[in-house]
Amino acid sequence: MSNILITGGAGNIGSALAEQLSVNKNHTIVIVDNLLTGSLDKIPKYDTVKFINANINKYEDVVPIFGRYDFDYVFHFAAVVGVKRTLEHPILVLNDIEGIKNVLSLSKNSGVKRVFYSSSSEVYGEPFEIPQNENTTPLNSRLPYAIVKNVGEAFFRSYQKAYGLDYTIFRFFNTYGPHQSEDFVIPRFIKAALKNEPIEIYGSGLQTRSFCYINDTIHACVNTMLQDAYVNDVLNVGNDKEITILELARIIKRITHSSSDIIHLPALKEGDMKRRCPDISKMKALLDRRLTTLDEGIINLIHLHKEHSTV
């Protein structure tokens, strides 16, 4: 029997992680989320999954939770996410440092075996090399979100050195899936394409990303825990197929048979990095299977979208 805490468990990745961990009935999953960007609809409805509406950034909210449950593992996934949202609310982003400190201090005092941290590809800033390797972190981004993720990584390493609290840092690269908010690029493009409405791209669309389907992301996270892998280490979690945003729009148009026009909006003033593509050698060894292709993932989302729209 394991007690597992997932902060931010009402979000895209956290809720999918809770769903996968719930397969093992010996796990009790405690989700803590303040529902700022998460949703109750995303939380798995099982007896083994408990939801607590609380703000992980407030120490007084978190202390009773650690007092009630003896957590074996903690996944700290709570964060303000999304380029536009983080640029518009920089103080909210900086407040996430308090949540990191709360999770770590309470974990090291309560016998937690390992803490897992959702870092981000944003820590790489503008690419120093492609593919982006875990051992090369140029720290050249000035955005609050990237800075907080870098600071968070430093906290996890420091707590291990000072207190022996084991960690694994996940650097997520554009995970998409059924529970992703509609203001992110893939669900936004799919929604527009299905309605034959304009697909809006910021700038030229030649900026690149690599998109990882949620199932691949979650299996990497769960296997890291179950296999006792990458302890006190950093793991890129993503897909190594790099494509432009313009190409993504065309792929979605093709799959949906859409007549949508592709419209170019002014480029974002900051935060829209030119390239993103991870070195996922370590992730591939962990999964030991092929990753979901972008076409497969998009087709899955379209089927789910159509199912929900007919309910």
Protein backbone atom coordinates (compact mmCIF):
# COMPACT_ATOMS: atom_id res chain seq x y z
CA MET A 1 0.00 0.00 0.00
CA SER A 2 1.37 3.39 -1.04
CA ASN A 3 0.03 6.86 -0.34
CA ILE A 4 0.82 9.20 -3.22
CA LEU A 5 0.32 12.98 -3.30
CA ILE A 6 -0.20 14.74 -6.63
CA THR A 7 -0.25 18.52 -6.41
CA GLY A 8 -1.93 20.07 -9.43
CA GLY A 9 -3.77 16.79 -9.91
CA ALA A 10 -6.79 18.48 -11.52
CA GLY A 11 -4.66 19.60 -14.46
CA ASN A 12 -3.68 18.02 -17.75
CA ILE A 13 -0.73 15.86 -16.67
CA GLY A 14 -1.64 15.49 -12.99
CA SER A 15 -5.11 14.09 -13.64
CA ALA A 16 -3.79 11.59 -16.20
CA LEU A 17 -1.11 10.52 -13.74
CA ALA A 18 -3.78 9.96 -11.07
CA GLU A 19 -5.79 7.87 -13.54
CA GLN A 20 -2.81 5.65 -14.35
CA LEU A 21 -1.70 5.22 -10.74
CA SER A 22 -5.28 4.30 -9.77
CA VAL A 23 -4.96 1.10 -11.82
CA ASN A 24 -3.14 -0.31 -8.79
CA LYS A 25 -5.81 -0.58 -6.09
CA ASN A 26 -3.10 -0.64 -3.43
CA HIS A 27 -2.40 3.02 -4.13
CA THR A 28 -4.24 5.81 -2.35
CA ILE A 29 -3.99 8.95 -4.46
CA VAL A 30 -4.44 12.35 -2.83
CA ILE A 31 -4.94 15.23 -5.25
CA VAL A 32 -4.37 18.77 -4.01
CA ASP A 33 -5.41 21.56 -6.37
CA ASN A 34 -6.81 25.07 -5.96
CA LEU A 35 -8.61 24.77 -9.34
CA LEU A 36 -7.02 27.98 -10.66
CA THR A 37 -6.48 26.29 -14.01
CA GLY A 38 -7.52 22.72 -13.16
CA SER A 39 -11.02 21.26 -13.18
CA LEU A 40 -12.99 18.81 -11.06
CA ASP A 41 -14.16 17.13 -14.27
CA LYS A 42 -10.63 15.88 -14.92
CA ILE A 43 -10.21 14.09 -11.59
CA PRO A 44 -10.68 10.27 -11.70
CA LYS A 45 -13.81 9.12 -9.88
CA TYR A 46 -12.47 6.21 -7.80
CA ASP A 47 -12.69 5.42 -4.10
CA THR A 48 -8.90 5.35 -3.97
CA VAL A 49 -8.63 8.94 -5.24
CA LYS A 50 -9.13 11.73 -2.71
CA PHE A 51 -9.44 15.38 -3.70
CA ILE A 52 -8.57 18.32 -1.45
CA ASN A 53 -9.18 21.89 -2.58
CA ALA A 54 -6.17 23.73 -1.21
CA ASN A 55 -3.41 26.09 -2.30
CA ILE A 56 -0.06 24.34 -2.16
CA ASN A 57 1.63 27.75 -1.99
CA LYS A 58 0.06 28.38 1.44
CA TYR A 59 1.88 26.53 4.20
CA GLU A 60 -1.16 26.53 6.48
CA ASP A 61 -3.16 24.75 3.76
CA VAL A 62 -0.58 22.03 3.26
CA VAL A 63 0.52 21.13 6.80
CA PRO A 64 -2.72 19.34 7.77
CA ILE A 65 -2.60 17.26 4.58
CA PHE A 66 0.88 15.94 5.33
CA GLY A 67 -0.24 15.39 8.93
CA ARG A 68 -3.22 13.28 7.87
CA TYR A 69 -1.47 11.08 5.28
CA ASP A 70 1.91 9.37 5.47
CA PHE A 71 2.95 9.94 1.87
CA ASP A 72 5.38 7.53 0.26
CA TYR A 73 5.75 9.55 -2.95
CA VAL A 74 4.98 13.14 -3.89
CA PHE A 75 4.49 14.44 -7.44
CA HIS A 76 4.69 18.23 -7.33
CA PHE A 77 2.95 19.25 -10.55
CA ALA A 78 1.06 22.33 -9.32
CA ALA A 79 2.07 25.46 -11.24
CA VAL A 80 0.75 28.37 -13.26
CA VAL A 81 1.18 27.24 -16.89
CA GLY A 82 0.75 28.58 -20.43
CA VAL A 83 2.93 31.21 -22.12
CA LYS A 84 0.31 33.97 -22.26
CA ARG A 85 -1.03 33.23 -18.77
CA THR A 86 2.41 33.25 -17.17
CA LEU A 87 3.36 36.48 -18.94
CA GLU A 88 0.14 38.16 -17.83
CA HIS A 89 0.43 36.99 -14.19
CA PRO A 90 4.15 37.04 -13.29
CA ILE A 91 3.56 37.42 -9.55
CA LEU A 92 1.37 34.29 -9.50
CA VAL A 93 4.23 32.47 -11.21
CA LEU A 94 6.78 33.68 -8.67
CA ASN A 95 4.48 32.59 -5.83
CA ASP A 96 4.97 29.00 -7.01
CA ILE A 97 8.39 29.09 -5.33
CA GLU A 98 6.53 28.96 -2.00
CA GLY A 99 4.78 25.76 -3.06
CA ILE A 100 8.13 24.17 -3.93
CA LYS A 101 9.52 25.07 -0.51
CA ASN A 102 6.38 23.81 1.25
CA VAL A 103 6.42 20.46 -0.51
CA LEU A 104 10.12 19.89 0.10
CA SER A 105 10.19 20.93 3.76
CA LEU A 106 7.14 18.82 4.64
CA SER A 107 8.36 15.85 2.58
CA LYS A 108 11.75 15.71 4.24
CA ASN A 109 10.14 15.86 7.69
CA SER A 110 7.58 13.11 7.05
CA GLY A 111 9.52 10.21 5.59
CA VAL A 112 8.63 10.66 1.90
CA LYS A 113 10.74 8.25 -0.20
CA ARG A 114 11.03 10.42 -3.29
CA VAL A 115 9.64 13.67 -4.67
CA PHE A 116 9.00 14.22 -8.39
CA TYR A 117 9.06 17.71 -9.84
CA SER A 118 7.41 18.99 -13.02
CA SER A 119 10.03 21.22 -14.54
CA SER A 120 9.79 22.35 -18.14
CA SER A 121 11.55 22.66 -21.47
CA GLU A 122 11.49 26.39 -20.72
CA VAL A 123 14.60 25.96 -18.56
CA TYR A 124 16.57 25.60 -21.81
CA GLY A 125 15.60 29.09 -22.98
CA GLU A 126 16.64 29.77 -26.56
CA PRO A 127 18.34 26.59 -27.78
CA PHE A 128 22.04 26.27 -27.18
CA GLU A 129 22.03 22.91 -28.94
CA ILE A 130 19.52 20.65 -30.71
CA PRO A 131 18.48 18.17 -29.46
CA GLN A 132 18.39 19.65 -25.98
CA ASN A 133 20.20 17.41 -23.52
CA GLU A 134 19.60 17.19 -19.76
CA ASN A 135 23.25 18.02 -19.06
CA THR A 136 23.19 21.31 -20.98
CA THR A 137 21.11 24.06 -19.40
CA PRO A 138 22.16 27.51 -20.66
CA LEU A 139 19.86 29.47 -18.28
CA ASN A 140 19.37 32.23 -20.85
CA SER A 141 15.64 32.86 -20.37
CA ARG A 142 14.52 35.85 -18.33
CA LEU A 143 10.84 34.83 -18.21
CA PRO A 144 9.43 34.36 -14.69
CA TYR A 145 8.13 30.87 -15.56
CA ALA A 146 11.54 29.64 -16.74
CA ILE A 147 13.29 31.26 -13.79
CA VAL A 148 10.93 29.61 -11.28
CA LYS A 149 11.44 26.20 -12.89
CA ASN A 150 15.21 26.65 -12.67
CA VAL A 151 14.97 27.79 -9.06
CA GLY A 152 12.75 24.78 -8.34
CA GLU A 153 15.32 22.39 -9.75
CA ALA A 154 17.97 23.99 -7.55
CA PHE A 155 15.75 23.54 -4.47
CA PHE A 156 15.26 19.83 -5.19
CA ARG A 157 18.98 19.26 -5.65
CA SER A 158 19.79 21.24 -2.51
CA TYR A 159 17.30 19.34 -0.33
CA GLN A 160 18.85 16.06 -1.49
CA LYS A 161 22.34 17.22 -0.59
CA ALA A 162 21.32 18.74 2.73
CA TYR A 163 18.70 16.23 3.94
CA GLY A 164 18.99 13.15 1.72
CA LEU A 165 15.52 13.64 0.21
CA ASP A 166 15.56 11.80 -3.11
CA TYR A 167 14.06 13.46 -6.19
CA THR A 168 13.49 13.13 -9.91
CA ILE A 169 13.07 16.19 -12.12
CA PHE A 170 10.87 15.84 -15.21
CA ARG A 171 11.45 18.42 -17.93
CA PHE A 172 8.19 18.26 -19.87
CA PHE A 173 8.12 19.19 -23.57
CA ASN A 174 4.64 20.19 -24.80
CA THR A 175 2.48 17.36 -23.48
CA TYR A 176 -0.96 17.29 -25.11
CA GLY A 177 -4.03 15.17 -24.44
CA PRO A 178 -7.77 15.10 -23.74
CA HIS A 179 -7.50 17.12 -20.53
CA GLN A 180 -5.40 19.97 -21.88
CA SER A 181 -6.89 23.45 -21.61
CA GLU A 182 -8.30 24.84 -24.85
CA ASP A 183 -5.95 27.82 -24.87
CA PHE A 184 -2.99 25.56 -25.72
CA VAL A 185 -1.99 25.20 -29.34
CA ILE A 186 -3.14 21.68 -30.32
CA PRO A 187 -6.65 21.80 -28.80
CA ARG A 188 -7.04 25.36 -30.08
CA PHE A 189 -6.12 24.35 -33.63
CA ILE A 190 -8.33 21.24 -33.56
CA LYS A 191 -11.33 23.18 -32.29
CA ALA A 192 -10.95 25.80 -35.03
CA ALA A 193 -10.37 23.18 -37.74
CA LEU A 194 -13.44 21.15 -36.83
CA LYS A 195 -15.55 24.31 -37.11
CA ASN A 196 -13.79 25.42 -40.32
CA GLU A 197 -12.86 28.62 -38.51
CA PRO A 198 -9.53 30.44 -39.00
CA ILE A 199 -6.51 28.80 -37.38
CA GLU A 200 -4.51 31.61 -35.80
CA ILE A 201 -0.73 31.42 -35.56
CA TYR A 202 1.51 33.91 -33.74
CA GLY A 203 4.21 35.19 -36.06
CA SER A 204 5.55 33.27 -39.05
CA GLY A 205 4.74 29.85 -37.64
CA LEU A 206 8.29 28.73 -38.34
CA GLN A 207 9.04 28.33 -34.63
CA THR A 208 9.40 24.62 -33.84
CA ARG A 209 8.04 22.40 -31.09
CA SER A 210 7.96 18.68 -30.34
CA PHE A 211 4.62 17.37 -29.06
CA CYS A 212 4.31 14.41 -26.70
CA TYR A 213 1.03 12.52 -26.30
CA ILE A 214 -0.16 12.27 -22.70
CA ASN A 215 0.06 8.45 -22.54
CA ASP A 216 3.79 8.56 -23.31
CA THR A 217 4.37 11.28 -20.72
CA ILE A 218 2.49 9.40 -18.01
CA HIS A 219 4.11 6.03 -18.69
CA ALA A 220 7.51 7.71 -18.39
CA CYS A 221 6.55 9.25 -15.04
CA VAL A 222 5.05 6.04 -13.62
CA ASN A 223 7.92 3.86 -14.84
CA THR A 224 10.39 6.22 -13.22
CA MET A 225 8.71 5.54 -9.89
CA LEU A 226 8.04 1.81 -10.31
CA GLN A 227 11.48 1.00 -11.71
CA ASP A 228 13.29 3.18 -9.19
CA ALA A 229 14.88 4.89 -12.18
CA TYR A 230 16.68 8.23 -12.51
CA VAL A 231 16.88 8.83 -8.77
CA ASN A 232 18.42 12.26 -8.10
CA ASP A 233 18.50 12.89 -11.82
CA VAL A 234 16.83 14.93 -14.57
CA LEU A 235 14.70 13.39 -17.31
CA ASN A 236 13.51 15.02 -20.52
CA VAL A 237 9.93 13.87 -21.14
CA GLY A 238 8.77 14.57 -24.65
CA ASN A 239 8.90 13.50 -28.27
CA ASP A 240 11.95 14.05 -30.47
CA LYS A 241 10.02 14.76 -33.69
CA GLU A 242 10.50 18.50 -34.26
CA ILE A 243 7.93 20.34 -36.40
CA THR A 244 7.00 23.95 -37.10
CA ILE A 245 3.76 25.41 -35.79
CA LEU A 246 2.77 26.11 -39.40
CA GLU A 247 3.27 22.43 -40.25
CA LEU A 248 1.20 21.47 -37.20
CA ALA A 249 -1.69 23.60 -38.47
CA ARG A 250 -1.47 21.95 -41.89
CA ILE A 251 -1.41 18.46 -40.36
CA ILE A 252 -4.54 19.21 -38.33
CA LYS A 253 -6.25 20.64 -41.42
CA ARG A 254 -5.39 17.48 -43.34
CA ILE A 255 -6.62 15.07 -40.67
CA THR A 256 -9.86 16.99 -40.05
CA HIS A 257 -10.48 17.67 -43.78
CA SER A 258 -10.93 21.29 -42.74
CA SER A 259 -11.37 24.30 -44.96
CA SER A 260 -9.99 26.63 -42.28
CA ASP A 261 -7.75 29.47 -43.37
CA ILE A 262 -4.41 29.82 -41.58
CA ILE A 263 -4.14 33.36 -40.23
CA HIS A 264 -0.87 34.92 -39.02
CA LEU A 265 -1.19 37.20 -35.99
CA PRO A 266 1.58 39.50 -34.77
CA ALA A 267 4.37 37.57 -33.05
CA LEU A 268 4.33 37.43 -29.27
CA LYS A 269 6.68 40.04 -27.79
CA GLU A 270 8.40 37.43 -25.64
CA GLY A 271 8.15 33.81 -24.55
CA ASP A 272 7.77 32.17 -27.97
CA MET A 273 11.11 30.38 -28.27
CA LYS A 274 12.41 29.65 -31.79
CA ARG A 275 13.05 25.92 -31.36
CA ARG A 276 12.24 23.07 -29.00
CA CYS A 277 13.40 19.48 -29.44
CA PRO A 278 14.57 17.20 -26.62
CA ASP A 279 17.17 14.48 -26.44
CA ILE A 280 14.96 11.65 -25.11
CA SER A 281 17.51 8.82 -25.05
CA LYS A 282 16.87 8.24 -21.34
CA MET A 283 13.08 8.31 -21.75
CA LYS A 284 13.20 5.81 -24.63
CA ALA A 285 15.26 3.40 -22.52
CA LEU A 286 12.69 3.74 -19.76
CA LEU A 287 9.68 3.04 -21.99
CA ASP A 288 11.28 0.45 -24.30
CA ARG A 289 8.58 0.99 -26.93
CA ARG A 290 7.82 3.40 -29.73
CA LEU A 291 6.19 6.73 -28.96
CA THR A 292 2.75 7.81 -30.15
CA THR A 293 3.02 9.63 -33.49
CA LEU A 294 1.57 13.12 -33.82
CA ASP A 295 -1.02 11.87 -36.32
CA GLU A 296 -2.13 9.13 -33.90
CA GLY A 297 -2.41 11.55 -31.01
CA ILE A 298 -4.38 14.13 -33.00
CA ILE A 299 -6.75 11.45 -34.31
CA ASN A 300 -7.37 10.28 -30.72
CA LEU A 301 -8.22 13.83 -29.66
CA ILE A 302 -10.56 14.36 -32.61
CA HIS A 303 -12.45 11.14 -31.82
CA LEU A 304 -12.81 12.18 -28.17
CA HIS A 305 -13.89 15.69 -29.17
CA LYS A 306 -16.61 14.29 -31.44
CA GLU A 307 -17.78 11.82 -28.77
CA HIS A 308 -18.17 14.61 -26.21
CA SER A 309 -19.92 16.92 -28.66
CA THR A 310 -22.60 14.27 -29.34
CA VAL A 311 -23.24 13.46 -25.68
